[in-house]
Amino acid sequence: MTAPDVTVVVAVYNTMPYLTECLNSLVGQSIGLDRLQVVAVDDGSTDDSGKELDRFAQLYPDTFTVIHQANSGGPAAPSNRALELATGRFVYFIGSDDYLGEEALDRMVACADANESDVVIGKMVGTNGRYVHQKLYTGDRPDISLYDSELPYTLANTKLFRRELVEEHGLRFPEDLPVGSDQPFTIEACVRARKISVLSDYTYYYAVKRGDASNITYRANHLARLRCTARIMEHTAGLIPAGPRRDAVLKRHFDWELSKLLQEDFPALGLDTRRQVCEGVGALLDTYFTDGLRDGTGVKRRVRFGLAQRGAVDELTRAIADETEHGAPPFLLEGDRAFAPYPGFRDAEVGLDDHWYEARETVAGRLAAGTKLESAAWEQNGDDLGLALKLRIGVTGDTSSAVVALAQGAMPKTADKAGARKLPKDALRPKAVGEFTREPAEDGEGTLLSARIPVEPVRAKRGVRVYVDVAGTAYEIPVRTEGLPMPLARRWGRTIPHRVAASPNPKGRLVITTAPLWEPKLGVGARLRRTLSRSKRK
């Protein structure tokens, strides 16, 4: 009998009713059943998963091999057992609650054959709120590297592997890791692969978040995740010598696995657990957190790592709890440097130097979040009308660069997610308008800007923006109304009355609109010129 092109491995534990859709997606593959082997291992399921596997084995006896075994505590042991029975030229792993696009296997095998790839990664998407990192899938790429791509952020084993590679290097899943057991397998396969290909032209894999969030990733505790991450990082370090390549892979574990241990749920942990987390994270920082990794980490994560490394459990707890409740602290500007003064900043007992607290990355999102409009009102003196604003910006210290100005035109789409944007070095900044003052906020949380923006009798619609320099970089921040009541629109002007309004646009950003209530009468020649001008524009 001819060996199949691909063996699909399915490790199963209590995944009904999702399992049925998974298995249907396999038998419906366009590659055809004659080129497919499915090895499914029931890891002691207590629901109807085992019965469903047996049903498919009866329907497709030449395709399905089903094994039943006692529960092992994770997907590693059943995956290893399935590998022992695999006969395909390639092996593919699928979560038993996920499913494939109809052409997935056919396309990936064709890619592997055409490019002589040892690993092929097809585009994955999440369903039911499941997060799947997308930056790897920017286009079809026949040959990528683990070290200069987004691949370290896509280390699940849901990929096509050449079985010859797997057996040549004895690749198996560590059975004592309840979480992340696929990462050592995937990392080593990618280190040893001759070629790795990415396919983004089709949705190959649908990752499902169960309705009860019972996927194993969602139910492991902090200390279990910490132990597993330490093992994964140790395995990686054994494969890749110290240097930029190792840093490129381990950066993922600092950015994701370790950072997630120091998030909003950390303060609610027991004191002993928090101490153990800090001790474990600190040990990994001591061993693998190079200066390059530290300097390339955003200030929020960097400070939390530093506090954990120093064993400053109280300061770390307070830093996380304060930011969760009140947002990030205002930046402290000192010359061309900016600092995020979290707890422990310049505290001799904590002992972290300023570099840990210095903001070096783009901080548009934090500046936008820290910029809040506090009041807006019309002020009129005779024919002179202005909009008096008081707003708070999330910086303290040397705020001499901060101004309020009117900008013509919309913000670029790139600014929408962060709510602000970093200006190009050669960008022209609008000049400050009207009267203007700066003073520290009484509560120490930022700086208060007071501005009076004069209204001009012209037809215009202009956004109110704040411009500020942080660590030598200029930022443009739209002023958001955040539900604050705006002054009523009013009629203004004697010679040609205008309607003047200060209101939020559809994105909640403050815009000042002026327009004449009526146009002055024009002579015949002027009306003709205006008509001709309009027809040319069409």
Protein backbone atom coordinates (compact mmCIF):
# COMPACT_ATOMS: atom_id res chain seq x y z
CA MET A 1 0.00 0.00 0.00
CA THR A 2 1.34 3.43 -0.96
CA ALA A 3 2.27 5.60 2.03
CA PRO A 4 -0.01 8.62 2.49
CA ASP A 5 1.27 12.09 1.80
CA VAL A 6 0.33 13.40 5.23
CA THR A 7 -0.48 12.02 8.67
CA VAL A 8 -2.72 14.24 10.77
CA VAL A 9 -2.22 13.79 14.52
CA VAL A 10 -5.18 14.54 16.78
CA ALA A 11 -4.70 14.45 20.55
CA VAL A 12 -8.16 14.32 22.11
CA TYR A 13 -9.47 14.99 25.60
CA ASN A 14 -13.09 15.99 26.24
CA THR A 15 -13.60 18.18 23.18
CA MET A 16 -17.16 17.33 22.18
CA PRO A 17 -19.02 18.81 20.37
CA TYR A 18 -16.08 20.64 18.75
CA LEU A 19 -14.41 17.33 17.86
CA THR A 20 -17.06 16.49 15.27
CA GLU A 21 -16.35 19.62 13.23
CA CYS A 22 -12.62 18.95 13.51
CA LEU A 23 -12.95 15.41 12.15
CA ASN A 24 -15.40 16.44 9.41
CA SER A 25 -12.87 19.03 8.25
CA LEU A 26 -10.27 16.26 7.91
CA VAL A 27 -12.37 13.79 5.91
CA GLY A 28 -13.50 16.68 3.70
CA GLN A 29 -9.97 17.65 2.70
CA SER A 30 -9.47 18.16 -1.03
CA ILE A 31 -6.24 16.17 -0.86
CA GLY A 32 -8.40 13.03 -0.80
CA LEU A 33 -8.66 10.17 1.68
CA ASP A 34 -6.20 8.01 -0.29
CA ARG A 35 -3.41 10.54 0.46
CA LEU A 36 -4.39 11.01 4.11
CA GLN A 37 -3.83 9.18 7.40
CA VAL A 38 -5.49 10.35 10.62
CA VAL A 39 -4.09 9.07 13.92
CA ALA A 40 -6.30 10.13 16.83
CA VAL A 41 -5.43 9.34 20.44
CA ASP A 42 -8.17 9.57 23.05
CA ASP A 43 -6.38 10.62 26.23
CA GLY A 44 -8.89 9.22 28.71
CA SER A 45 -11.86 11.40 27.74
CA THR A 46 -14.86 11.28 30.07
CA ASP A 47 -17.33 12.74 27.56
CA ASP A 48 -18.35 11.21 24.22
CA SER A 49 -15.08 12.07 22.46
CA GLY A 50 -13.91 8.45 22.43
CA LYS A 51 -17.20 7.24 20.94
CA GLU A 52 -17.03 9.92 18.25
CA LEU A 53 -13.53 8.82 17.27
CA ASP A 54 -14.69 5.22 17.03
CA ARG A 55 -17.60 6.31 14.84
CA PHE A 56 -15.27 7.98 12.37
CA ALA A 57 -12.94 4.96 12.44
CA GLN A 58 -15.88 2.75 11.44
CA LEU A 59 -16.88 5.12 8.65
CA TYR A 60 -13.33 5.56 7.34
CA PRO A 61 -11.39 2.42 8.37
CA ASP A 62 -8.64 2.93 5.77
CA THR A 63 -7.96 6.49 6.95
CA PHE A 64 -8.48 6.56 10.72
CA THR A 65 -6.40 4.90 13.40
CA VAL A 66 -7.84 5.44 16.89
CA ILE A 67 -6.02 4.72 20.16
CA HIS A 68 -7.60 4.90 23.62
CA GLN A 69 -5.36 5.41 26.66
CA ALA A 70 -5.53 6.57 30.28
CA ASN A 71 -5.37 10.30 30.81
CA SER A 72 -1.80 11.61 30.77
CA GLY A 73 -2.50 15.22 31.85
CA GLY A 74 -1.69 16.97 28.59
CA PRO A 75 -1.42 16.71 24.79
CA ALA A 76 2.25 15.66 24.71
CA ALA A 77 1.90 11.93 25.47
CA PRO A 78 -0.96 11.27 23.01
CA SER A 79 0.89 13.26 20.33
CA ASN A 80 4.03 11.18 20.87
CA ARG A 81 2.07 7.95 20.68
CA ALA A 82 0.49 9.06 17.42
CA LEU A 83 3.90 9.86 15.97
CA GLU A 84 4.96 6.25 16.52
CA LEU A 85 2.12 5.18 14.21
CA ALA A 86 2.56 7.89 11.56
CA THR A 87 3.40 6.71 8.02
CA GLY A 88 2.94 9.87 5.95
CA ARG A 89 5.73 11.79 4.24
CA PHE A 90 4.57 14.77 6.30
CA VAL A 91 2.93 15.05 9.68
CA TYR A 92 0.42 17.72 10.69
CA PHE A 93 -0.91 18.45 14.19
CA ILE A 94 -4.39 19.81 14.83
CA GLY A 95 -6.13 20.71 18.07
CA SER A 96 -9.20 18.53 18.52
CA ASP A 97 -11.40 21.59 19.02
CA ASP A 98 -10.14 23.31 15.85
CA TYR A 99 -10.74 22.70 12.15
CA LEU A 100 -9.08 23.14 8.75
CA GLY A 101 -10.00 24.92 5.56
CA GLU A 102 -11.00 22.42 2.85
CA GLU A 103 -7.85 22.85 0.73
CA ALA A 104 -5.41 23.24 3.62
CA LEU A 105 -3.45 19.98 3.43
CA ASP A 106 -3.37 19.84 -0.37
CA ARG A 107 -1.94 23.36 -0.58
CA MET A 108 0.64 22.83 2.17
CA VAL A 109 1.92 19.54 0.77
CA ALA A 110 2.20 21.10 -2.69
CA CYS A 111 4.18 24.00 -1.19
CA ALA A 112 6.53 21.63 0.64
CA ASP A 113 7.17 19.62 -2.50
CA ALA A 114 7.67 22.68 -4.72
CA ASN A 115 10.08 24.41 -2.31
CA GLU A 116 11.66 21.38 -0.62
CA SER A 117 10.42 22.81 2.68
CA ASP A 118 10.81 20.93 5.95
CA VAL A 119 8.20 23.11 7.69
CA VAL A 120 5.17 24.78 6.13
CA ILE A 121 3.00 27.23 8.07
CA GLY A 122 -0.47 27.99 6.76
CA LYS A 123 -2.39 31.07 7.84
CA MET A 124 -4.33 30.62 11.07
CA VAL A 125 -7.24 32.69 12.35
CA GLY A 126 -9.06 32.65 15.68
CA THR A 127 -12.78 32.08 16.15
CA ASN A 128 -15.12 32.73 19.08
CA GLY A 129 -12.69 35.34 20.45
CA ARG A 130 -9.56 33.18 20.22
CA TYR A 131 -6.46 35.36 19.72
CA VAL A 132 -4.07 34.31 16.95
CA HIS A 133 -1.00 36.43 16.15
CA GLN A 134 -1.25 37.61 12.53
CA LYS A 135 1.99 39.44 11.75
CA LEU A 136 3.63 36.36 10.21
CA TYR A 137 0.96 36.18 7.52
CA THR A 138 1.89 39.18 5.38
CA GLY A 139 2.19 37.16 2.17
CA ASP A 140 3.43 33.87 0.78
CA ARG A 141 7.10 33.41 1.63
CA PRO A 142 8.93 30.29 0.44
CA ASP A 143 11.93 30.64 2.76
CA ILE A 144 11.90 32.45 6.10
CA SER A 145 14.18 32.36 9.12
CA LEU A 146 13.28 31.77 12.73
CA TYR A 147 15.61 34.62 13.67
CA ASP A 148 14.46 37.59 11.58
CA SER A 149 10.73 37.06 11.20
CA GLU A 150 7.61 36.96 13.35
CA LEU A 151 7.87 33.15 13.56
CA PRO A 152 8.88 33.13 17.27
CA TYR A 153 5.40 34.52 18.00
CA THR A 154 3.79 31.59 16.14
CA LEU A 155 5.25 28.53 17.86
CA ALA A 156 2.22 26.26 18.06
CA ASN A 157 2.77 22.87 16.45
CA THR A 158 -0.13 23.42 14.04
CA LYS A 159 2.19 23.23 11.07
CA LEU A 160 3.20 20.74 8.38
CA PHE A 161 6.49 19.00 9.26
CA ARG A 162 8.50 16.70 7.02
CA ARG A 163 8.45 13.41 8.94
CA GLU A 164 11.98 12.60 7.83
CA LEU A 165 13.14 15.68 9.78
CA VAL A 166 11.11 14.63 12.83
CA GLU A 167 12.55 11.12 12.91
CA GLU A 168 16.13 12.08 11.97
CA HIS A 169 16.38 14.31 15.05
CA GLY A 170 14.09 12.28 17.28
CA LEU A 171 11.72 15.17 17.81
CA ARG A 172 9.12 14.47 20.47
CA PHE A 173 6.99 16.45 22.92
CA PRO A 174 8.14 16.74 26.57
CA GLU A 175 5.48 14.85 28.50
CA ASP A 176 6.11 16.60 31.82
CA LEU A 177 5.01 20.02 30.48
CA PRO A 178 1.27 20.57 31.01
CA VAL A 179 1.41 23.87 29.08
CA GLY A 180 3.44 24.77 26.01
CA SER A 181 4.72 21.26 25.28
CA ASP A 182 4.49 22.01 21.55
CA GLN A 183 7.03 24.85 21.73
CA PRO A 184 10.23 22.79 22.25
CA PHE A 185 9.17 20.54 19.35
CA THR A 186 8.39 23.47 17.04
CA ILE A 187 11.47 25.49 17.97
CA GLU A 188 13.84 22.56 17.42
CA ALA A 189 12.17 21.65 14.12
CA CYS A 190 12.58 25.25 12.92
CA VAL A 191 16.22 25.39 14.10
CA ARG A 192 17.04 22.19 12.21
CA ALA A 193 14.87 22.75 9.12
CA ARG A 194 16.55 23.34 5.78
CA LYS A 195 13.71 25.60 4.70
CA ILE A 196 10.58 27.06 6.34
CA SER A 197 7.72 28.34 4.20
CA VAL A 198 4.72 30.52 5.03
CA LEU A 199 1.42 30.52 3.14
CA SER A 200 -0.95 33.46 3.62
CA ASP A 201 -3.13 33.18 0.51
CA TYR A 202 -5.84 31.06 2.16
CA THR A 203 -7.24 30.42 5.63
CA TYR A 204 -5.72 27.05 6.48
CA TYR A 205 -6.52 26.71 10.16
CA TYR A 206 -9.36 27.90 12.39
CA ALA A 207 -8.41 28.01 16.09
CA VAL A 208 -11.50 27.81 18.29
CA LYS A 209 -11.88 29.21 21.78
CA ARG A 210 -14.38 26.99 23.53
CA GLY A 211 -17.48 28.59 24.97
CA ASP A 212 -16.36 27.66 28.49
CA ALA A 213 -12.74 28.76 27.81
CA SER A 214 -11.57 25.29 28.85
CA ASN A 215 -8.69 25.13 26.35
CA ILE A 216 -5.62 24.07 28.34
CA THR A 217 -3.90 27.43 27.71
CA TYR A 218 -6.73 29.21 29.51
CA ARG A 219 -6.77 27.10 32.70
CA ALA A 220 -3.14 26.82 33.85
CA ASN A 221 -2.07 28.75 36.98
CA HIS A 222 0.80 31.20 37.31
CA LEU A 223 3.37 28.84 38.81
CA ALA A 224 2.64 26.06 36.30
CA ARG A 225 3.02 28.50 33.42
CA LEU A 226 6.24 29.84 34.95
CA ARG A 227 7.77 26.37 35.28
CA CYS A 228 6.83 25.46 31.72
CA THR A 229 8.22 28.72 30.33
CA ALA A 230 11.50 28.16 32.17
CA ARG A 231 11.81 24.70 30.62
CA ILE A 232 11.04 26.03 27.14
CA MET A 233 13.64 28.80 27.47
CA GLU A 234 16.23 26.34 28.78
CA HIS A 235 15.57 24.01 25.83
CA THR A 236 15.88 26.93 23.40
CA ALA A 237 19.16 28.04 24.96
CA GLY A 238 20.50 24.52 24.47
CA LEU A 239 19.78 24.73 20.75
CA ILE A 240 20.88 28.29 19.98
CA PRO A 241 24.16 29.81 21.24
CA ALA A 242 23.99 33.09 23.16
CA GLY A 243 23.73 36.10 20.88
CA PRO A 244 21.26 37.97 18.67
CA ARG A 245 19.68 34.77 17.30
CA ARG A 246 18.86 33.41 20.72
CA ASP A 247 17.60 36.85 21.78
CA ALA A 248 15.29 36.95 18.73
CA VAL A 249 13.55 33.75 19.87
CA LEU A 250 13.54 34.38 23.63
CA LYS A 251 12.16 37.89 23.13
CA ARG A 252 8.82 36.20 22.51
CA HIS A 253 8.89 34.54 25.95
CA PHE A 254 9.66 37.83 27.70
CA ASP A 255 7.02 39.68 25.66
CA TRP A 256 4.32 37.06 26.12
CA GLU A 257 4.66 34.23 28.62
CA LEU A 258 6.57 36.11 31.32
CA SER A 259 4.77 39.42 30.80
CA LYS A 260 1.41 37.67 31.23
CA LEU A 261 2.49 36.54 34.70
CA LEU A 262 2.77 40.20 35.75
CA GLN A 263 -0.59 41.54 34.61
CA GLU A 264 -3.81 42.68 36.25
CA ASP A 265 -4.42 39.39 38.09
CA PHE A 266 -1.02 39.45 39.83
CA PRO A 267 -2.05 41.64 42.82
CA ALA A 268 -4.88 39.20 43.66
CA LEU A 269 -2.46 36.27 44.09
CA GLY A 270 -1.39 35.23 47.55
CA LEU A 271 1.79 36.83 48.88
CA ASP A 272 3.74 33.57 48.76
CA THR A 273 2.70 32.97 45.14
CA ARG A 274 3.68 36.52 44.18
CA ARG A 275 7.08 36.00 45.78
CA GLN A 276 7.58 32.72 43.93
CA VAL A 277 6.59 34.32 40.63
CA CYS A 278 9.06 37.17 41.20
CA GLU A 279 11.80 34.74 42.16
CA GLY A 280 11.22 32.58 39.06
CA VAL A 281 10.92 35.51 36.67
CA GLY A 282 13.99 37.10 38.24
CA ALA A 283 16.05 33.95 37.68
CA LEU A 284 15.12 33.92 34.00
CA LEU A 285 15.97 37.61 33.70
CA ASP A 286 19.37 36.97 35.32
CA THR A 287 20.08 34.20 32.83
CA TYR A 288 18.62 35.39 29.54
CA PHE A 289 17.59 39.07 29.68
CA THR A 290 20.50 40.66 27.83
CA ASP A 291 21.05 44.41 27.61
CA GLY A 292 19.75 44.28 24.04
CA LEU A 293 16.53 42.62 25.14
CA ARG A 294 16.14 45.05 28.03
CA ASP A 295 16.60 48.11 25.84
CA GLY A 296 14.16 46.74 23.25
CA THR A 297 11.42 46.14 25.82
CA GLY A 298 8.74 48.78 26.39
CA VAL A 299 8.98 50.72 29.63
CA LYS A 300 5.87 49.20 31.22
CA ARG A 301 7.13 45.62 30.87
CA ARG A 302 10.71 46.61 31.60
CA VAL A 303 9.81 48.20 34.93
CA ARG A 304 7.74 45.19 35.97
CA PHE A 305 10.59 42.87 35.06
CA GLY A 306 13.06 45.03 36.97
CA LEU A 307 10.91 45.10 40.10
CA ALA A 308 10.44 41.32 39.92
CA GLN A 309 14.18 40.80 39.49
CA ARG A 310 14.89 42.96 42.54
CA GLY A 311 12.30 41.05 44.57
CA ALA A 312 10.34 44.29 45.11
CA VAL A 313 7.02 42.48 45.47
CA ASP A 314 5.19 45.37 47.17
CA GLU A 315 6.31 47.95 44.59
CA LEU A 316 5.45 45.60 41.72
CA THR A 317 2.02 44.90 43.17
CA ARG A 318 1.37 48.62 43.60
CA ALA A 319 2.62 49.43 40.08
CA ILE A 320 0.22 46.94 38.52
CA ALA A 321 -2.75 47.81 40.74
CA ASP A 322 -2.29 51.58 40.28
CA GLU A 323 -2.05 51.30 36.50
CA THR A 324 -5.08 49.01 36.36
CA GLU A 325 -7.17 51.48 38.36
CA HIS A 326 -5.82 54.86 37.25
CA GLY A 327 -3.83 54.27 34.07
CA ALA A 328 -0.12 54.71 33.47
CA PRO A 329 1.67 57.48 35.40
CA PRO A 330 2.42 60.72 33.53
CA PHE A 331 5.80 60.85 31.86
CA LEU A 332 8.46 62.91 33.61
CA LEU A 333 10.32 64.98 31.00
CA GLU A 334 13.92 65.93 31.74
CA GLY A 335 15.67 67.53 28.79
CA ASP A 336 15.58 65.02 25.92
CA ARG A 337 14.77 62.08 28.21
CA ALA A 338 11.40 60.82 29.41
CA PHE A 339 10.74 58.58 32.40
CA ALA A 340 7.69 56.62 33.55
CA PRO A 341 7.83 57.13 37.35
CA TYR A 342 6.27 53.85 38.47
CA PRO A 343 6.75 52.78 42.11
CA GLY A 344 10.41 52.20 42.86
CA PHE A 345 11.58 55.07 40.63
CA ARG A 346 14.77 56.54 42.13
CA ASP A 347 14.17 54.52 45.30
CA ALA A 348 17.51 53.55 46.78
CA GLU A 349 16.03 50.54 48.55
CA VAL A 350 14.72 49.11 45.27
CA GLY A 351 17.99 49.88 43.51
CA LEU A 352 16.86 50.10 39.87
CA ASP A 353 18.74 52.69 37.83
CA ASP A 354 16.96 55.21 35.63
CA HIS A 355 17.42 53.11 32.47
CA TRP A 356 14.71 50.72 33.65
CA TYR A 357 12.19 53.59 33.83
CA GLU A 358 13.23 55.45 30.68
CA ALA A 359 10.78 55.53 27.75
CA ARG A 360 12.62 54.79 24.52
CA GLU A 361 9.79 53.35 22.45
CA THR A 362 6.98 55.15 20.60
CA VAL A 363 4.55 56.28 23.28
CA ALA A 364 1.66 57.63 21.19
CA GLY A 365 -0.92 55.39 22.84
CA ARG A 366 0.07 56.37 26.37
CA LEU A 367 0.09 60.07 25.52
CA ALA A 368 -3.37 59.80 23.99
CA ALA A 369 -4.70 57.95 27.04
CA GLY A 370 -3.22 60.61 29.35
CA THR A 371 -4.66 63.59 27.45
CA LYS A 372 -8.07 64.55 28.83
CA LEU A 373 -10.27 67.55 28.20
CA GLU A 374 -11.51 68.96 31.51
CA SER A 375 -13.60 71.95 30.40
CA ALA A 376 -14.65 73.91 27.32
CA ALA A 377 -16.60 77.19 27.17
CA TRP A 378 -17.13 80.15 24.88
CA GLU A 379 -15.62 83.48 25.95
CA GLN A 380 -16.78 86.63 24.16
CA ASN A 381 -15.64 90.21 24.55
CA GLY A 382 -17.44 92.41 22.07
CA ASP A 383 -16.78 90.98 18.61
CA ASP A 384 -13.92 88.84 19.93
CA LEU A 385 -14.99 85.20 20.43
CA GLY A 386 -12.80 82.37 21.62
CA LEU A 387 -13.09 78.80 22.90
CA ALA A 388 -11.54 78.54 26.36
CA LEU A 389 -10.15 75.05 27.02
CA LYS A 390 -8.57 73.40 30.01
CA LEU A 391 -7.03 70.02 29.44
CA ARG A 392 -4.63 67.64 31.13
CA ILE A 393 -1.70 65.95 29.40
CA GLY A 394 0.13 62.91 30.73
CA VAL A 395 3.55 64.51 31.15
CA THR A 396 5.28 66.44 33.92
CA GLY A 397 8.62 68.17 34.29
CA ASP A 398 9.91 70.14 31.31
CA THR A 399 6.68 70.67 29.35
CA SER A 400 7.84 73.77 27.47
CA SER A 401 7.26 72.00 24.15
CA ALA A 402 3.58 71.34 24.83
CA VAL A 403 1.19 73.56 22.87
CA VAL A 404 -2.45 73.53 21.77
CA ALA A 405 -3.02 74.21 18.09
CA LEU A 406 -5.58 73.88 15.33
CA ALA A 407 -4.83 71.39 12.58
CA GLN A 408 -6.22 71.31 9.06
CA GLY A 409 -7.32 67.91 7.78
CA ALA A 410 -7.93 64.53 9.34
CA MET A 411 -5.47 62.39 11.26
CA PRO A 412 -3.99 59.52 9.21
CA LYS A 413 -5.52 56.08 9.71
CA THR A 414 -2.26 54.93 11.30
CA ALA A 415 -3.08 57.14 14.28
CA ASP A 416 -6.48 55.62 14.94
CA LYS A 417 -5.42 52.63 17.03
CA ALA A 418 -3.12 54.58 19.32
CA GLY A 419 -5.29 57.70 19.24
CA ALA A 420 -2.22 59.83 18.48
CA ARG A 421 0.76 59.75 16.19
CA LYS A 422 4.50 60.19 16.15
CA LEU A 423 5.39 63.03 13.78
CA PRO A 424 8.07 62.60 11.11
CA LYS A 425 11.25 64.49 11.90
CA ASP A 426 10.68 66.92 9.02
CA ALA A 427 7.00 67.54 9.78
CA LEU A 428 5.89 71.13 10.28
CA ARG A 429 4.09 71.71 13.55
CA PRO A 430 1.23 74.24 13.61
CA LYS A 431 1.88 77.25 15.78
CA ALA A 432 0.16 77.63 19.13
CA VAL A 433 -3.03 79.63 18.90
CA GLY A 434 -4.33 82.33 21.23
CA GLU A 435 -3.53 82.73 24.90
CA PHE A 436 -1.79 79.82 26.53
CA THR A 437 -0.55 78.71 29.98
CA ARG A 438 0.95 75.55 31.49
CA GLU A 439 0.98 74.52 35.13
CA PRO A 440 1.46 71.29 37.08
CA ALA A 441 -1.78 69.59 38.08
CA GLU A 442 -2.49 69.93 41.78
CA ASP A 443 -2.71 66.15 42.21
CA GLY A 444 0.66 65.70 40.47
CA GLU A 445 -0.97 63.65 37.71
CA GLY A 446 0.25 65.47 34.62
CA THR A 447 0.22 69.06 33.43
CA LEU A 448 -2.75 71.39 32.93
CA LEU A 449 -2.85 73.36 29.70
CA SER A 450 -5.16 76.38 29.50
CA ALA A 451 -5.76 77.83 26.04
CA ARG A 452 -8.11 80.34 24.48
CA ILE A 453 -8.55 79.61 20.78
CA PRO A 454 -9.80 82.67 18.86
CA VAL A 455 -12.58 82.11 16.33
CA GLU A 456 -12.14 83.60 12.87
CA PRO A 457 -15.01 84.57 10.50
CA VAL A 458 -14.21 82.00 7.82
CA ARG A 459 -15.75 78.75 6.67
CA ALA A 460 -13.59 76.10 8.35
CA LYS A 461 -13.59 72.81 10.21
CA ARG A 462 -10.45 72.23 12.22
CA GLY A 463 -9.42 69.72 14.83
CA VAL A 464 -7.98 70.75 18.19
CA ARG A 465 -4.65 69.02 18.79
CA VAL A 466 -1.92 68.95 21.41
CA TYR A 467 1.70 68.85 20.28
CA VAL A 468 4.42 67.74 22.68
CA ASP A 469 8.02 66.50 22.51
CA VAL A 470 8.88 63.34 24.44
CA ALA A 471 12.46 62.08 24.48
CA GLY A 472 13.33 64.05 21.36
CA THR A 473 10.28 62.89 19.40
CA ALA A 474 7.30 65.09 18.52
CA TYR A 475 3.76 63.73 18.95
CA GLU A 476 0.41 64.97 17.72
CA ILE A 477 -2.53 64.15 20.00
CA PRO A 478 -6.15 64.86 19.05
CA VAL A 479 -8.17 66.22 21.97
CA ARG A 480 -11.03 63.85 22.77
CA THR A 481 -14.21 65.09 24.41
CA GLU A 482 -14.73 61.80 26.35
CA GLY A 483 -18.45 62.54 26.83
CA LEU A 484 -17.82 65.96 28.39
CA PRO A 485 -20.72 68.37 27.67
CA MET A 486 -19.74 70.84 24.95
CA PRO A 487 -20.90 74.46 24.85
CA LEU A 488 -23.95 75.10 22.69
CA ALA A 489 -23.39 76.24 19.10
CA ARG A 490 -23.89 79.96 18.76
CA ARG A 491 -24.45 82.78 16.27
CA TRP A 492 -21.56 85.20 16.10
CA GLY A 493 -20.55 88.17 13.97
CA ARG A 494 -22.22 91.41 12.92
CA THR A 495 -21.32 92.04 9.30
CA ILE A 496 -21.68 88.41 8.20
CA PRO A 497 -23.17 86.26 10.98
CA HIS A 498 -21.56 82.86 11.44
CA ARG A 499 -22.61 79.69 13.20
CA VAL A 500 -19.85 78.49 15.49
CA ALA A 501 -19.77 75.03 17.06
CA ALA A 502 -17.35 73.03 19.19
CA SER A 503 -18.29 69.35 19.02
CA PRO A 504 -16.88 65.83 18.75
CA ASN A 505 -16.46 64.25 15.33
CA PRO A 506 -17.50 60.59 14.78
CA LYS A 507 -14.25 59.44 16.46
CA GLY A 508 -14.90 61.60 19.54
CA ARG A 509 -12.25 64.20 18.68
CA LEU A 510 -12.89 67.89 19.32
CA VAL A 511 -13.52 69.95 16.18
CA ILE A 512 -14.28 73.67 15.85
CA THR A 513 -16.60 74.44 12.93
CA THR A 514 -17.40 77.91 11.61
CA ALA A 515 -19.68 78.72 8.66
CA PRO A 516 -21.57 81.83 7.51
CA LEU A 517 -25.31 81.75 8.11
CA TRP A 518 -25.81 83.29 4.67
CA GLU A 519 -23.62 84.12 1.73
CA PRO A 520 -23.33 87.77 0.60
CA LYS A 521 -25.09 88.56 -2.67
CA LEU A 522 -22.84 88.45 -5.68
CA GLY A 523 -22.98 90.42 -8.90
CA VAL A 524 -23.73 88.73 -12.21
CA GLY A 525 -20.04 88.43 -13.11
CA ALA A 526 -19.10 86.98 -9.71
CA ARG A 527 -21.96 84.45 -9.86
CA LEU A 528 -20.84 83.37 -13.37
CA ARG A 529 -17.23 82.96 -12.24
CA ARG A 530 -18.35 80.86 -9.25
CA THR A 531 -20.53 78.66 -11.49
CA LEU A 532 -17.66 78.11 -13.95
CA SER A 533 -15.29 77.33 -11.10
CA ARG A 534 -17.67 74.69 -9.69
CA SER A 535 -18.17 73.06 -13.11
CA LYS A 536 -14.40 72.76 -13.57
CA ARG A 537 -14.06 71.01 -10.20
CA LYS A 538 -16.62 68.41 -11.31
